[in-house]
Amino acid sequence: MFPFSSSPQEQNTLAQIWSQLSADLQTRVIGLVAELALSVLVARSHNMSEGEEARHVEQATGPQNPS
């Protein structure tokens, strides 16, 4: 992943916008970001487990000696 970087001016602007949001909206935004993070983690772990399954299948279906 790429780290998020912004200029001090952008950070100041974001801080000003955030401070203008009501507490209810701030709470909703935090909840939505948390849901997004959880979805990313679940998707990543699902993709990793599929990769492990594929390796196990490849090993099991590899060339076998019929003797």
Protein backbone atom coordinates (compact mmCIF):
# COMPACT_ATOMS: atom_id res chain seq x y z
CA MET A 1 0.00 0.00 0.00
CA PHE A 2 1.05 3.56 -0.55
CA PRO A 3 1.22 5.82 2.46
CA PHE A 4 -1.06 8.82 2.35
CA SER A 5 0.90 12.03 2.27
CA SER A 6 -0.30 15.55 1.87
CA SER A 7 1.10 18.99 2.25
CA PRO A 8 0.70 20.91 5.49
CA GLN A 9 -1.76 23.19 3.67
CA GLU A 10 -3.93 20.22 2.66
CA GLN A 11 -3.79 18.83 6.19
CA ASN A 12 -4.86 22.21 7.57
CA THR A 13 -7.77 22.36 5.13
CA LEU A 14 -8.89 18.84 6.07
CA ALA A 15 -8.66 19.70 9.77
CA GLN A 16 -10.83 22.77 9.21
CA ILE A 17 -13.42 20.75 7.29
CA TRP A 18 -13.44 18.02 9.95
CA SER A 19 -13.93 20.56 12.74
CA GLN A 20 -16.95 22.00 10.91
CA LEU A 21 -18.73 18.62 10.82
CA SER A 22 -21.24 17.90 13.54
CA ALA A 23 -20.34 15.24 16.10
CA ASP A 24 -22.98 12.98 14.53
CA LEU A 25 -21.40 13.27 11.07
CA GLN A 26 -17.91 12.73 12.50
CA THR A 27 -19.17 9.55 14.18
CA ARG A 28 -20.76 8.35 10.95
CA VAL A 29 -17.57 9.01 8.96
CA ILE A 30 -15.48 7.11 11.53
CA GLY A 31 -17.94 4.21 11.37
CA LEU A 32 -17.83 4.12 7.57
CA VAL A 33 -14.02 4.19 7.52
CA ALA A 34 -13.98 1.35 10.07
CA GLU A 35 -16.37 -0.69 7.88
CA LEU A 36 -14.18 -0.03 4.85
CA ALA A 37 -11.06 -1.14 6.74
CA LEU A 38 -12.80 -4.32 7.89
CA SER A 39 -13.94 -5.07 4.34
CA VAL A 40 -10.40 -4.65 3.04
CA LEU A 41 -9.03 -6.99 5.71
CA VAL A 42 -11.68 -9.63 5.01
CA ALA A 43 -11.07 -9.43 1.27
CA ARG A 44 -7.31 -9.62 1.75
CA SER A 45 -7.55 -12.65 4.03
CA HIS A 46 -9.96 -14.31 1.59
CA ASN A 47 -7.52 -13.74 -1.29
CA MET A 48 -4.63 -15.07 0.77
CA SER A 49 -6.53 -18.24 1.69
CA GLU A 50 -7.45 -18.79 -1.97
CA GLY A 51 -3.76 -18.57 -2.82
CA GLU A 52 -2.95 -21.20 -0.19
CA GLU A 53 -5.70 -23.46 -1.54
CA ALA A 54 -4.35 -23.09 -5.07
CA ARG A 55 -0.85 -24.09 -3.91
CA HIS A 56 -2.24 -27.19 -2.20
CA VAL A 57 -4.18 -28.13 -5.33
CA GLU A 58 -1.11 -27.60 -7.54
CA GLN A 59 0.95 -29.83 -5.24
CA ALA A 60 -1.70 -32.55 -5.23
CA THR A 61 -2.15 -32.52 -9.01
CA GLY A 62 1.55 -32.39 -9.83
CA PRO A 63 3.25 -35.10 -11.88
CA GLN A 64 2.93 -38.50 -10.27
CA ASN A 65 4.99 -41.60 -10.88
CA PRO A 66 2.57 -44.41 -11.90
CA SER A 67 4.92 -47.17 -10.68
